[in-house]
Amino acid sequence: MSLLDVINQVRIGQGTEEDWLLIKGYAADLDLQTECVLCPLENDQDVDFEESIPQEYVARGLQPTIDYEILEACVHRADRLSGGPMAQAACDVIRYYIRFDTWPETLGATDPPHPVKDLECLGR
């Protein structure tokens, strides 16, 4: 499944509060063709977050990024910024949010001057 497929799923409401967006590779490289999946993760406090990913996804190199609620908000924000449902705009907002844990003010926003959180350091 690609990010484009996931964005389309979000647009039609296919997903649950338990789902997380898992991506392959680095967030900075995220594009519409990046391998992704929506997957519920275990919410057991005794289980390490990374260990709550199903092994089949770990074996494919997928890593958790954002939960479904944030993913849905990214898609809606992109729609507002672009004036309609544009997959590339959604990709841009998702990529920005994953990297910096904040919303871009505009489409094509540059990296913040002092990012609070850039998940690139975590290998995402």
PDB file of N, CA and C in Angstrom:
ATOM      1  N   MET A   1       0.846  -1.157   0.000  1.00  0.00           N
ATOM      2  CA  MET A   1       0.000   0.000   0.000  1.00  0.00           C
ATOM      3  C   MET A   1       0.904   1.237   0.000  1.00  0.00           C
ATOM      4  N   SER A   2       0.493   2.269  -0.714  1.00  0.00           N
ATOM      5  CA  SER A   2       1.263   3.507  -0.784  1.00  0.00           C
ATOM      6  C   SER A   2       0.610   4.586   0.085  1.00  0.00           C
ATOM      7  N   LEU A   3       1.338   5.686   0.285  1.00  0.00           N
ATOM      8  CA  LEU A   3       0.759   6.803   1.026  1.00  0.00           C
ATOM      9  C   LEU A   3      -0.482   7.314   0.320  1.00  0.00           C
ATOM     10  N   LEU A   4      -0.474   7.324  -1.007  1.00  0.00           N
ATOM     11  CA  LEU A   4      -1.660   7.740  -1.754  1.00  0.00           C
ATOM     12  C   LEU A   4      -2.864   6.875  -1.381  1.00  0.00           C
ATOM     13  N   ASP A   5      -2.669   5.569  -1.280  1.00  0.00           N
ATOM     14  CA  ASP A   5      -3.749   4.661  -0.879  1.00  0.00           C
ATOM     15  C   ASP A   5      -4.253   5.001   0.522  1.00  0.00           C
ATOM     16  N   VAL A   6      -3.325   5.285   1.431  1.00  0.00           N
ATOM     17  CA  VAL A   6      -3.695   5.615   2.808  1.00  0.00           C
ATOM     18  C   VAL A   6      -4.489   6.918   2.842  1.00  0.00           C
ATOM     19  N   ILE A   7      -4.025   7.927   2.101  1.00  0.00           N
ATOM     20  CA  ILE A   7      -4.748   9.203   2.049  1.00  0.00           C
ATOM     21  C   ILE A   7      -6.165   8.972   1.540  1.00  0.00           C
ATOM     22  N   ASN A   8      -6.315   8.160   0.510  1.00  0.00           N
ATOM     23  CA  ASN A   8      -7.651   7.851  -0.012  1.00  0.00           C
ATOM     24  C   ASN A   8      -8.506   7.135   1.028  1.00  0.00           C
ATOM     25  N   GLN A   9      -7.901   6.242   1.814  1.00  0.00           N
ATOM     26  CA  GLN A   9      -8.632   5.567   2.887  1.00  0.00           C
ATOM     27  C   GLN A   9      -9.135   6.577   3.916  1.00  0.00           C
ATOM     28  N   VAL A  10      -8.279   7.506   4.291  1.00  0.00           N
ATOM     29  CA  VAL A  10      -8.657   8.527   5.267  1.00  0.00           C
ATOM     30  C   VAL A  10      -9.817   9.358   4.727  1.00  0.00           C
ATOM     31  N   ARG A  11      -9.763   9.716   3.472  1.00  0.00           N
ATOM     32  CA  ARG A  11     -10.815  10.547   2.866  1.00  0.00           C
ATOM     33  C   ARG A  11     -12.189   9.879   2.917  1.00  0.00           C
ATOM     34  N   ILE A  12     -12.218   8.552   2.867  1.00  0.00           N
ATOM     35  CA  ILE A  12     -13.514   7.865   2.912  1.00  0.00           C
ATOM     36  C   ILE A  12     -13.809   7.289   4.295  1.00  0.00           C
ATOM     37  N   GLY A  13     -12.983   7.651   5.266  1.00  0.00           N
ATOM     38  CA  GLY A  13     -13.242   7.268   6.647  1.00  0.00           C
ATOM     39  C   GLY A  13     -12.875   5.843   7.009  1.00  0.00           C
ATOM     40  N   GLN A  14     -11.979   5.232   6.247  1.00  0.00           N
ATOM     41  CA  GLN A  14     -11.528   3.878   6.579  1.00  0.00           C
ATOM     42  C   GLN A  14     -10.327   3.974   7.507  1.00  0.00           C
ATOM     43  N   GLY A  15     -10.552   3.707   8.742  1.00  0.00           N
ATOM     44  CA  GLY A  15      -9.512   3.765   9.747  1.00  0.00           C
ATOM     45  C   GLY A  15     -10.169   3.874  11.108  1.00  0.00           C
ATOM     46  N   THR A  16      -9.396   3.584  12.148  1.00  0.00           N
ATOM     47  CA  THR A  16      -9.938   3.645  13.502  1.00  0.00           C
ATOM     48  C   THR A  16      -8.998   4.441  14.394  1.00  0.00           C
ATOM     49  N   GLU A  17      -9.485   4.796  15.559  1.00  0.00           N
ATOM     50  CA  GLU A  17      -8.686   5.530  16.537  1.00  0.00           C
ATOM     51  C   GLU A  17      -7.437   4.767  16.950  1.00  0.00           C
ATOM     52  N   GLU A  18      -7.458   3.456  16.832  1.00  0.00           N
ATOM     53  CA  GLU A  18      -6.316   2.633  17.231  1.00  0.00           C
ATOM     54  C   GLU A  18      -5.231   2.568  16.155  1.00  0.00           C
ATOM     55  N   ASP A  19      -5.540   3.021  14.945  1.00  0.00           N
ATOM     56  CA  ASP A  19      -4.587   2.915  13.836  1.00  0.00           C
ATOM     57  C   ASP A  19      -3.476   3.948  13.933  1.00  0.00           C
ATOM     58  N   TRP A  20      -2.320   3.534  13.452  1.00  0.00           N
ATOM     59  CA  TRP A  20      -1.163   4.401  13.300  1.00  0.00           C
ATOM     60  C   TRP A  20      -0.690   4.307  11.865  1.00  0.00           C
ATOM     61  N   LEU A  21      -0.092   5.369  11.373  1.00  0.00           N
ATOM     62  CA  LEU A  21       0.523   5.355  10.056  1.00  0.00           C
ATOM     63  C   LEU A  21       1.937   4.812  10.199  1.00  0.00           C
ATOM     64  N   LEU A  22       2.202   3.694   9.547  1.00  0.00           N
ATOM     65  CA  LEU A  22       3.537   3.119   9.501  1.00  0.00           C
ATOM     66  C   LEU A  22       4.105   3.418   8.128  1.00  0.00           C
ATOM     67  N   ILE A  23       5.344   3.899   8.081  1.00  0.00           N
ATOM     68  CA  ILE A  23       5.972   4.224   6.802  1.00  0.00           C
ATOM     69  C   ILE A  23       7.295   3.493   6.670  1.00  0.00           C
ATOM     70  N   LYS A  24       7.716   3.338   5.426  1.00  0.00           N
ATOM     71  CA  LYS A  24       9.025   2.747   5.148  1.00  0.00           C
ATOM     72  C   LYS A  24       9.977   3.882   4.786  1.00  0.00           C
ATOM     73  N   GLY A  25      11.119   3.901   5.430  1.00  0.00           N
ATOM     74  CA  GLY A  25      12.129   4.906   5.110  1.00  0.00           C
ATOM     75  C   GLY A  25      12.047   6.123   6.006  1.00  0.00           C
ATOM     76  N   TYR A  26      12.682   7.180   5.542  1.00  0.00           N
ATOM     77  CA  TYR A  26      12.779   8.416   6.310  1.00  0.00           C
ATOM     78  C   TYR A  26      11.614   9.351   6.002  1.00  0.00           C
ATOM     79  N   ALA A  27      11.160  10.053   7.019  1.00  0.00           N
ATOM     80  CA  ALA A  27      10.047  10.989   6.846  1.00  0.00           C
ATOM     81  C   ALA A  27      10.374  12.065   5.828  1.00  0.00           C
ATOM     82  N   ALA A  28      11.611  12.522   5.773  1.00  0.00           N
ATOM     83  CA  ALA A  28      12.000  13.568   4.829  1.00  0.00           C
ATOM     84  C   ALA A  28      11.829  13.111   3.382  1.00  0.00           C
ATOM     85  N   ASP A  29      11.859  11.798   3.156  1.00  0.00           N
ATOM     86  CA  ASP A  29      11.722  11.241   1.806  1.00  0.00           C
ATOM     87  C   ASP A  29      10.292  10.824   1.478  1.00  0.00           C
ATOM     88  N   LEU A  30       9.369  11.039   2.386  1.00  0.00           N
ATOM     89  CA  LEU A  30       7.985  10.595   2.206  1.00  0.00           C
ATOM     90  C   LEU A  30       7.379  11.215   0.948  1.00  0.00           C
ATOM     91  N   ASP A  31       6.835  10.374   0.088  1.00  0.00           N
ATOM     92  CA  ASP A  31       6.105  10.848  -1.080  1.00  0.00           C
ATOM     93  C   ASP A  31       4.887   9.961  -1.286  1.00  0.00           C
ATOM     94  N   LEU A  32       4.117  10.238  -2.298  1.00  0.00           N
ATOM     95  CA  LEU A  32       2.852   9.523  -2.504  1.00  0.00           C
ATOM     96  C   LEU A  32       3.047   8.038  -2.788  1.00  0.00           C
ATOM     97  N   GLN A  33       4.233   7.639  -3.230  1.00  0.00           N
ATOM     98  CA  GLN A  33       4.486   6.233  -3.551  1.00  0.00           C
ATOM     99  C   GLN A  33       5.179   5.469  -2.419  1.00  0.00           C
ATOM    100  N   THR A  34       5.504   6.155  -1.322  1.00  0.00           N
ATOM    101  CA  THR A  34       6.146   5.505  -0.191  1.00  0.00           C
ATOM    102  C   THR A  34       5.270   4.378   0.337  1.00  0.00           C
ATOM    103  N   GLU A  35       5.892   3.243   0.627  1.00  0.00           N
ATOM    104  CA  GLU A  35       5.144   2.126   1.204  1.00  0.00           C
ATOM    105  C   GLU A  35       4.670   2.508   2.604  1.00  0.00           C
ATOM    106  N   CYS A  36       3.384   2.356   2.837  1.00  0.00           N
ATOM    107  CA  CYS A  36       2.753   2.722   4.115  1.00  0.00           C
ATOM    108  C   CYS A  36       1.647   1.730   4.430  1.00  0.00           C
ATOM    109  N   VAL A  37       1.207   1.780   5.670  1.00  0.00           N
ATOM    110  CA  VAL A  37       0.055   0.987   6.076  1.00  0.00           C
ATOM    111  C   VAL A  37      -0.564   1.646   7.302  1.00  0.00           C
ATOM    112  N   LEU A  38      -1.866   1.498   7.440  1.00  0.00           N
ATOM    113  CA  LEU A  38      -2.556   1.857   8.673  1.00  0.00           C
ATOM    114  C   LEU A  38      -2.674   0.588   9.487  1.00  0.00           C
ATOM    115  N   CYS A  39      -2.262   0.666  10.744  1.00  0.00           N
ATOM    116  CA  CYS A  39      -2.212  -0.538  11.560  1.00  0.00           C
ATOM    117  C   CYS A  39      -2.506  -0.189  13.008  1.00  0.00           C
ATOM    118  N   PRO A  40      -3.382  -0.945  13.669  1.00  0.00           N
ATOM    119  CA  PRO A  40      -3.553  -0.715  15.106  1.00  0.00           C
ATOM    120  C   PRO A  40      -2.341  -1.241  15.868  1.00  0.00           C
ATOM    121  N   LEU A  41      -1.925  -0.487  16.864  1.00  0.00           N
ATOM    122  CA  LEU A  41      -0.809  -0.915  17.699  1.00  0.00           C
ATOM    123  C   LEU A  41      -1.332  -1.276  19.067  1.00  0.00           C
ATOM    124  N   GLU A  42      -0.652  -2.201  19.719  1.00  0.00           N
ATOM    125  CA  GLU A  42      -1.043  -2.580  21.070  1.00  0.00           C
ATOM    126  C   GLU A  42      -0.890  -1.379  21.981  1.00  0.00           C
ATOM    127  N   ASN A  43      -1.806  -1.214  22.870  1.00  0.00           N
ATOM    128  CA  ASN A  43      -1.756  -0.098  23.803  1.00  0.00           C
ATOM    129  C   ASN A  43      -1.480  -0.609  25.209  1.00  0.00           C
ATOM    130  N   ASP A  44      -0.545  -1.521  25.313  1.00  0.00           N
ATOM    131  CA  ASP A  44      -0.175  -2.122  26.584  1.00  0.00           C
ATOM    132  C   ASP A  44       1.030  -1.386  27.140  1.00  0.00           C
ATOM    133  N   GLN A  45       0.903  -0.819  28.318  1.00  0.00           N
ATOM    134  CA  GLN A  45       1.989  -0.029  28.885  1.00  0.00           C
ATOM    135  C   GLN A  45       3.189  -0.879  29.261  1.00  0.00           C
ATOM    136  N   ASP A  46       3.028  -2.177  29.348  1.00  0.00           N
ATOM    137  CA  ASP A  46       4.149  -3.062  29.647  1.00  0.00           C
ATOM    138  C   ASP A  46       4.926  -3.444  28.391  1.00  0.00           C
ATOM    139  N   VAL A  47       4.392  -3.065  27.220  1.00  0.00           N
ATOM    140  CA  VAL A  47       5.023  -3.405  25.954  1.00  0.00           C
ATOM    141  C   VAL A  47       5.685  -2.157  25.383  1.00  0.00           C
ATOM    142  N   ASP A  48       6.955  -2.279  24.974  1.00  0.00           N
ATOM    143  CA  ASP A  48       7.662  -1.182  24.325  1.00  0.00           C
ATOM    144  C   ASP A  48       6.916  -0.820  23.047  1.00  0.00           C
ATOM    145  N   PHE A  49       6.768   0.488  22.804  1.00  0.00           N
ATOM    146  CA  PHE A  49       6.022   0.977  21.644  1.00  0.00           C
ATOM    147  C   PHE A  49       6.487   0.315  20.355  1.00  0.00           C
ATOM    148  N   GLU A  50       7.801   0.259  20.152  1.00  0.00           N
ATOM    149  CA  GLU A  50       8.324  -0.339  18.927  1.00  0.00           C
ATOM    150  C   GLU A  50       7.974  -1.825  18.820  1.00  0.00           C
ATOM    151  N   GLU A  51       7.860  -2.506  19.957  1.00  0.00           N
ATOM    152  CA  GLU A  51       7.546  -3.926  19.947  1.00  0.00           C
ATOM    153  C   GLU A  51       6.068  -4.194  19.687  1.00  0.00           C
ATOM    154  N   SER A  52       5.248  -3.160  19.710  1.00  0.00           N
ATOM    155  CA  SER A  52       3.816  -3.358  19.501  1.00  0.00           C
ATOM    156  C   SER A  52       3.438  -3.379  18.028  1.00  0.00           C
ATOM    157  N   ILE A  53       4.426  -3.246  17.158  1.00  0.00           N
ATOM    158  CA  ILE A  53       4.187  -3.295  15.715  1.00  0.00           C
ATOM    159  C   ILE A  53       4.182  -4.758  15.286  1.00  0.00           C
ATOM    160  N   PRO A  54       3.175  -5.184  14.535  1.00  0.00           N
ATOM    161  CA  PRO A  54       3.164  -6.562  14.058  1.00  0.00           C
ATOM    162  C   PRO A  54       4.458  -6.914  13.303  1.00  0.00           C
ATOM    163  N   GLN A  55       4.994  -8.071  13.570  1.00  0.00           N
ATOM    164  CA  GLN A  55       6.268  -8.508  13.008  1.00  0.00           C
ATOM    165  C   GLN A  55       6.319  -8.431  11.490  1.00  0.00           C
ATOM    166  N   GLU A  56       5.198  -8.691  10.830  1.00  0.00           N
ATOM    167  CA  GLU A  56       5.204  -8.636   9.362  1.00  0.00           C
ATOM    168  C   GLU A  56       5.581  -7.249   8.862  1.00  0.00           C
ATOM    169  N   TYR A  57       5.198  -6.204   9.598  1.00  0.00           N
ATOM    170  CA  TYR A  57       5.527  -4.834   9.203  1.00  0.00           C
ATOM    171  C   TYR A  57       6.959  -4.482   9.584  1.00  0.00           C
ATOM    172  N   VAL A  58       7.415  -4.979  10.725  1.00  0.00           N
ATOM    173  CA  VAL A  58       8.804  -4.770  11.128  1.00  0.00           C
ATOM    174  C   VAL A  58       9.719  -5.390  10.083  1.00  0.00           C
ATOM    175  N   ALA A  59       9.388  -6.595   9.635  1.00  0.00           N
ATOM    176  CA  ALA A  59      10.200  -7.292   8.640  1.00  0.00           C
ATOM    177  C   ALA A  59      10.267  -6.512   7.329  1.00  0.00           C
ATOM    178  N   ARG A  60       9.227  -5.741   7.025  1.00  0.00           N
ATOM    179  CA  ARG A  60       9.208  -4.924   5.801  1.00  0.00           C
ATOM    180  C   ARG A  60       9.847  -3.553   6.017  1.00  0.00           C
ATOM    181  N   GLY A  61      10.312  -3.270   7.240  1.00  0.00           N
ATOM    182  CA  GLY A  61      10.992  -2.007   7.511  1.00  0.00           C
ATOM    183  C   GLY A  61      10.061  -0.836   7.771  1.00  0.00           C
ATOM    184  N   LEU A  62       8.807  -1.123   8.149  1.00  0.00           N
ATOM    185  CA  LEU A  62       7.853  -0.054   8.428  1.00  0.00           C
ATOM    186  C   LEU A  62       7.982   0.412   9.876  1.00  0.00           C
ATOM    187  N   GLN A  63       7.850   1.710  10.072  1.00  0.00           N
ATOM    188  CA  GLN A  63       7.996   2.309  11.395  1.00  0.00           C
ATOM    189  C   GLN A  63       6.785   3.180  11.706  1.00  0.00           C
ATOM    190  N   PRO A  64       6.371   3.242  12.976  1.00  0.00           N
ATOM    191  CA  PRO A  64       5.219   4.076  13.338  1.00  0.00           C
ATOM    192  C   PRO A  64       5.579   5.551  13.295  1.00  0.00           C
ATOM    193  N   THR A  65       4.604   6.371  12.908  1.00  0.00           N
ATOM    194  CA  THR A  65       4.837   7.807  12.821  1.00  0.00           C
ATOM    195  C   THR A  65       3.783   8.575  13.614  1.00  0.00           C
ATOM    196  N   ILE A  66       2.564   8.655  13.078  1.00  0.00           N
ATOM    197  CA  ILE A  66       1.487   9.416  13.710  1.00  0.00           C
ATOM    198  C   ILE A  66       0.234   8.567  13.816  1.00  0.00           C
ATOM    199  N   ASP A  67      -0.601   8.915  14.785  1.00  0.00           N
ATOM    200  CA  ASP A  67      -1.838   8.150  14.948  1.00  0.00           C
ATOM    201  C   ASP A  67      -2.894   8.621  13.953  1.00  0.00           C
ATOM    202  N   TYR A  68      -3.980   7.868  13.878  1.00  0.00           N
ATOM    203  CA  TYR A  68      -5.014   8.127  12.881  1.00  0.00           C
ATOM    204  C   TYR A  68      -5.637   9.507  13.045  1.00  0.00           C
ATOM    205  N   GLU A  69      -5.848   9.936  14.266  1.00  0.00           N
ATOM    206  CA  GLU A  69      -6.466  11.244  14.509  1.00  0.00           C
ATOM    207  C   GLU A  69      -5.600  12.365  13.915  1.00  0.00           C
ATOM    208  N   ILE A  70      -4.309  12.298  14.126  1.00  0.00           N
ATOM    209  CA  ILE A  70      -3.401  13.303  13.566  1.00  0.00           C
ATOM    210  C   ILE A  70      -3.338  13.171  12.046  1.00  0.00           C
ATOM    211  N   LEU A  71      -3.290  11.953  11.547  1.00  0.00           N
ATOM    212  CA  LEU A  71      -3.276  11.721  10.105  1.00  0.00           C
ATOM    213  C   LEU A  71      -4.505  12.350   9.447  1.00  0.00           C
ATOM    214  N   GLU A  72      -5.659  12.104  10.034  1.00  0.00           N
ATOM    215  CA  GLU A  72      -6.906  12.669   9.509  1.00  0.00           C
ATOM    216  C   GLU A  72      -6.856  14.199   9.547  1.00  0.00           C
ATOM    217  N   ALA A  73      -6.344  14.756  10.626  1.00  0.00           N
ATOM    218  CA  ALA A  73      -6.223  16.211  10.743  1.00  0.00           C
ATOM    219  C   ALA A  73      -5.258  16.765   9.691  1.00  0.00           C
ATOM    220  N   CYS A  74      -4.193  16.040   9.395  1.00  0.00           N
ATOM    221  CA  CYS A  74      -3.256  16.467   8.348  1.00  0.00           C
ATOM    222  C   CYS A  74      -3.948  16.548   6.998  1.00  0.00           C
ATOM    223  N   VAL A  75      -4.733  15.532   6.675  1.00  0.00           N
ATOM    224  CA  VAL A  75      -5.439  15.510   5.390  1.00  0.00           C
ATOM    225  C   VAL A  75      -6.435  16.676   5.321  1.00  0.00           C
ATOM    226  N   HIS A  76      -7.190  16.904   6.388  1.00  0.00           N
ATOM    227  CA  HIS A  76      -8.159  18.007   6.393  1.00  0.00           C
ATOM    228  C   HIS A  76      -7.460  19.362   6.300  1.00  0.00           C
ATOM    229  N   ARG A  77      -6.340  19.512   7.000  1.00  0.00           N
ATOM    230  CA  ARG A  77      -5.594  20.772   6.938  1.00  0.00           C
ATOM    231  C   ARG A  77      -5.083  21.005   5.519  1.00  0.00           C
ATOM    232  N   ALA A  78      -4.567  19.972   4.889  1.00  0.00           N
ATOM    233  CA  ALA A  78      -4.078  20.090   3.515  1.00  0.00           C
ATOM    234  C   ALA A  78      -5.207  20.501   2.579  1.00  0.00           C
ATOM    235  N   ASP A  79      -6.391  19.933   2.781  1.00  0.00           N
ATOM    236  CA  ASP A  79      -7.542  20.295   1.949  1.00  0.00           C
ATOM    237  C   ASP A  79      -7.883  21.774   2.100  1.00  0.00           C
ATOM    238  N   ARG A  80      -7.814  22.272   3.340  1.00  0.00           N
ATOM    239  CA  ARG A  80      -8.103  23.695   3.568  1.00  0.00           C
ATOM    240  C   ARG A  80      -7.031  24.575   2.915  1.00  0.00           C
ATOM    241  N   LEU A  81      -5.777  24.196   3.087  1.00  0.00           N
ATOM    242  CA  LEU A  81      -4.686  25.004   2.535  1.00  0.00           C
ATOM    243  C   LEU A  81      -4.677  25.007   1.007  1.00  0.00           C
ATOM    244  N   SER A  82      -5.063  23.890   0.402  1.00  0.00           N
ATOM    245  CA  SER A  82      -5.018  23.768  -1.056  1.00  0.00           C
ATOM    246  C   SER A  82      -6.335  24.137  -1.726  1.00  0.00           C
ATOM    247  N   GLY A  83      -7.381  24.290  -0.938  1.00  0.00           N
ATOM    248  CA  GLY A  83      -8.680  24.641  -1.515  1.00  0.00           C
ATOM    249  C   GLY A  83      -9.452  23.448  -2.049  1.00  0.00           C
ATOM    250  N   GLY A  84      -8.996  22.249  -1.771  1.00  0.00           N
ATOM    251  CA  GLY A  84      -9.688  21.049  -2.227  1.00  0.00           C
ATOM    252  C   GLY A  84      -8.851  19.822  -1.961  1.00  0.00           C
ATOM    253  N   PRO A  85      -9.386  18.656  -2.304  1.00  0.00           N
ATOM    254  CA  PRO A  85      -8.668  17.405  -2.026  1.00  0.00           C
ATOM    255  C   PRO A  85      -7.512  17.175  -3.006  1.00  0.00           C
ATOM    256  N   MET A  86      -6.323  17.527  -2.587  1.00  0.00           N
ATOM    257  CA  MET A  86      -5.124  17.316  -3.398  1.00  0.00           C
ATOM    258  C   MET A  86      -4.193  16.370  -2.646  1.00  0.00           C
ATOM    259  N   ALA A  87      -3.923  15.226  -3.238  1.00  0.00           N
ATOM    260  CA  ALA A  87      -3.097  14.209  -2.577  1.00  0.00           C
ATOM    261  C   ALA A  87      -1.698  14.726  -2.274  1.00  0.00           C
ATOM    262  N   GLN A  88      -1.090  15.481  -3.192  1.00  0.00           N
ATOM    263  CA  GLN A  88       0.261  15.976  -2.953  1.00  0.00           C
ATOM    264  C   GLN A  88       0.288  16.940  -1.772  1.00  0.00           C
ATOM    265  N   ALA A  89      -0.730  17.768  -1.638  1.00  0.00           N
ATOM    266  CA  ALA A  89      -0.804  18.684  -0.490  1.00  0.00           C
ATOM    267  C   ALA A  89      -0.900  17.882   0.806  1.00  0.00           C
ATOM    268  N   ALA A  90      -1.707  16.826   0.806  1.00  0.00           N
ATOM    269  CA  ALA A  90      -1.832  15.982   1.993  1.00  0.00           C
ATOM    270  C   ALA A  90      -0.492  15.347   2.335  1.00  0.00           C
ATOM    271  N   CYS A  91       0.219  14.875   1.340  1.00  0.00           N
ATOM    272  CA  CYS A  91       1.543  14.287   1.555  1.00  0.00           C
ATOM    273  C   CYS A  91       2.480  15.313   2.189  1.00  0.00           C
ATOM    274  N   ASP A  92       2.472  16.527   1.679  1.00  0.00           N
ATOM    275  CA  ASP A  92       3.352  17.573   2.191  1.00  0.00           C
ATOM    276  C   ASP A  92       3.062  17.882   3.658  1.00  0.00           C
ATOM    277  N   VAL A  93       1.793  17.987   4.011  1.00  0.00           N
ATOM    278  CA  VAL A  93       1.417  18.291   5.397  1.00  0.00           C
ATOM    279  C   VAL A  93       1.763  17.118   6.310  1.00  0.00           C
ATOM    280  N   ILE A  94       1.497  15.905   5.867  1.00  0.00           N
ATOM    281  CA  ILE A  94       1.828  14.712   6.660  1.00  0.00           C
ATOM    282  C   ILE A  94       3.331  14.649   6.908  1.00  0.00           C
ATOM    283  N   ARG A  95       4.114  14.823   5.850  1.00  0.00           N
ATOM    284  CA  ARG A  95       5.578  14.778   5.975  1.00  0.00           C
ATOM    285  C   ARG A  95       6.064  15.850   6.960  1.00  0.00           C
ATOM    286  N   TYR A  96       5.557  17.061   6.850  1.00  0.00           N
ATOM    287  CA  TYR A  96       5.957  18.157   7.731  1.00  0.00           C
ATOM    288  C   TYR A  96       5.601  17.834   9.179  1.00  0.00           C
ATOM    289  N   TYR A  97       4.378  17.350   9.389  1.00  0.00           N
ATOM    290  CA  TYR A  97       3.950  17.054  10.763  1.00  0.00           C
ATOM    291  C   TYR A  97       4.784  15.933  11.380  1.00  0.00           C
ATOM    292  N   ILE A  98       5.034  14.889  10.623  1.00  0.00           N
ATOM    293  CA  ILE A  98       5.839  13.782  11.148  1.00  0.00           C
ATOM    294  C   ILE A  98       7.229  14.280  11.540  1.00  0.00           C
ATOM    295  N   ARG A  99       7.816  15.116  10.732  1.00  0.00           N
ATOM    296  CA  ARG A  99       9.181  15.579  10.990  1.00  0.00           C
ATOM    297  C   ARG A  99       9.277  16.566  12.143  1.00  0.00           C
ATOM    298  N   PHE A 100       8.284  17.455  12.280  1.00  0.00           N
ATOM    299  CA  PHE A 100       8.448  18.576  13.204  1.00  0.00           C
ATOM    300  C   PHE A 100       7.388  18.669  14.295  1.00  0.00           C
ATOM    301  N   ASP A 101       6.427  17.756  14.299  1.00  0.00           N
ATOM    302  CA  ASP A 101       5.392  17.737  15.324  1.00  0.00           C
ATOM    303  C   ASP A 101       4.658  19.074  15.427  1.00  0.00           C
ATOM    304  N   THR A 102       4.449  19.702  14.297  1.00  0.00           N
ATOM    305  CA  THR A 102       3.713  20.961  14.216  1.00  0.00           C
ATOM    306  C   THR A 102       3.136  21.087  12.811  1.00  0.00           C
ATOM    307  N   TRP A 103       2.170  21.975  12.678  1.00  0.00           N
ATOM    308  CA  TRP A 103       1.505  22.171  11.384  1.00  0.00           C
ATOM    309  C   TRP A 103       2.262  23.201  10.552  1.00  0.00           C
ATOM    310  N   PRO A 104       2.342  22.984   9.253  1.00  0.00           N
ATOM    311  CA  PRO A 104       2.889  24.033   8.402  1.00  0.00           C
ATOM    312  C   PRO A 104       1.849  25.152   8.266  1.00  0.00           C
ATOM    313  N   GLU A 105       2.322  26.371   8.205  1.00  0.00           N
ATOM    314  CA  GLU A 105       1.406  27.510   8.044  1.00  0.00           C
ATOM    315  C   GLU A 105       0.867  27.589   6.620  1.00  0.00           C
ATOM    316  N   THR A 106       1.692  27.134   5.657  1.00  0.00           N
ATOM    317  CA  THR A 106       1.319  27.169   4.247  1.00  0.00           C
ATOM    318  C   THR A 106       1.806  25.888   3.584  1.00  0.00           C
ATOM    319  N   LEU A 107       1.306  25.628   2.402  1.00  0.00           N
ATOM    320  CA  LEU A 107       1.851  24.524   1.615  1.00  0.00           C
ATOM    321  C   LEU A 107       3.248  24.920   1.161  1.00  0.00           C
ATOM    322  N   GLY A 108       4.146  23.970   1.122  1.00  0.00           N
ATOM    323  CA  GLY A 108       5.522  24.243   0.713  1.00  0.00           C
ATOM    324  C   GLY A 108       6.317  25.000   1.753  1.00  0.00           C
ATOM    325  N   ALA A 109       5.857  24.972   3.004  1.00  0.00           N
ATOM    326  CA  ALA A 109       6.557  25.682   4.075  1.00  0.00           C
ATOM    327  C   ALA A 109       7.972  25.149   4.232  1.00  0.00           C
ATOM    328  N   THR A 110       8.883  26.058   4.536  1.00  0.00           N
ATOM    329  CA  THR A 110      10.258  25.652   4.801  1.00  0.00           C
ATOM    330  C   THR A 110      10.337  25.052   6.203  1.00  0.00           C
ATOM    331  N   ASP A 111      11.404  24.350   6.463  1.00  0.00           N
ATOM    332  CA  ASP A 111      11.609  23.773   7.792  1.00  0.00           C
ATOM    333  C   ASP A 111      11.621  24.890   8.823  1.00  0.00           C
ATOM    334  N   PRO A 112      11.061  24.647   9.995  1.00  0.00           N
ATOM    335  CA  PRO A 112      11.095  25.672  11.034  1.00  0.00           C
ATOM    336  C   PRO A 112      12.546  25.971  11.434  1.00  0.00           C
ATOM    337  N   PRO A 113      12.828  27.204  11.878  1.00  0.00           N
ATOM    338  CA  PRO A 113      14.206  27.565  12.192  1.00  0.00           C
ATOM    339  C   PRO A 113      14.803  26.758  13.342  1.00  0.00           C
ATOM    340  N   HIS A 114      13.990  26.417  14.311  1.00  0.00           N
ATOM    341  CA  HIS A 114      14.453  25.637  15.456  1.00  0.00           C
ATOM    342  C   HIS A 114      13.448  24.528  15.710  1.00  0.00           C
ATOM    343  N   PRO A 115      13.529  23.447  14.923  1.00  0.00           N
ATOM    344  CA  PRO A 115      12.526  22.401  15.089  1.00  0.00           C
ATOM    345  C   PRO A 115      12.528  21.823  16.501  1.00  0.00           C
ATOM    346  N   VAL A 116      11.328  21.699  17.042  1.00  0.00           N
ATOM    347  CA  VAL A 116      11.154  21.101  18.358  1.00  0.00           C
ATOM    348  C   VAL A 116      11.483  19.622  18.272  1.00  0.00           C
ATOM    349  N   LYS A 117      11.056  19.006  17.195  1.00  0.00           N
ATOM    350  CA  LYS A 117      11.227  17.565  17.044  1.00  0.00           C
ATOM    351  C   LYS A 117      11.402  17.273  15.567  1.00  0.00           C
ATOM    352  N   ASP A 118      12.484  16.673  15.211  1.00  0.00           N
ATOM    353  CA  ASP A 118      12.667  16.214  13.839  1.00  0.00           C
ATOM    354  C   ASP A 118      12.953  14.731  13.940  1.00  0.00           C
ATOM    355  N   LEU A 119      11.998  13.931  13.503  1.00  0.00           N
ATOM    356  CA  LEU A 119      12.118  12.483  13.663  1.00  0.00           C
ATOM    357  C   LEU A 119      13.221  11.883  12.798  1.00  0.00           C
ATOM    358  N   GLU A 120      13.887  12.702  12.007  1.00  0.00           N
ATOM    359  CA  GLU A 120      15.000  12.178  11.228  1.00  0.00           C
ATOM    360  C   GLU A 120      16.058  11.609  12.174  1.00  0.00           C
ATOM    361  N   CYS A 121      16.211  12.219  13.337  1.00  0.00           N
ATOM    362  CA  CYS A 121      17.208  11.726  14.289  1.00  0.00           C
ATOM    363  C   CYS A 121      16.825  10.353  14.829  1.00  0.00           C
ATOM    364  N   LEU A 122      15.572   9.984  14.691  1.00  0.00           N
ATOM    365  CA  LEU A 122      15.122   8.671  15.140  1.00  0.00           C
ATOM    366  C   LEU A 122      15.112   7.665  13.995  1.00  0.00           C
ATOM    367  N   GLY A 123      15.588   8.104  12.821  1.00  0.00           N
ATOM    368  CA  GLY A 123      15.632   7.201  11.679  1.00  0.00           C
ATOM    369  C   GLY A 123      14.310   7.079  10.969  1.00  0.00           C
ATOM    370  N   ARG A 124      13.419   8.029  11.183  1.00  0.00           N
ATOM    371  CA  ARG A 124      12.109   7.976  10.508  1.00  0.00           C
ATOM    372  C   ARG A 124      12.072   8.992   9.416  1.00  0.00           C
TER     373      ARG A 124
END
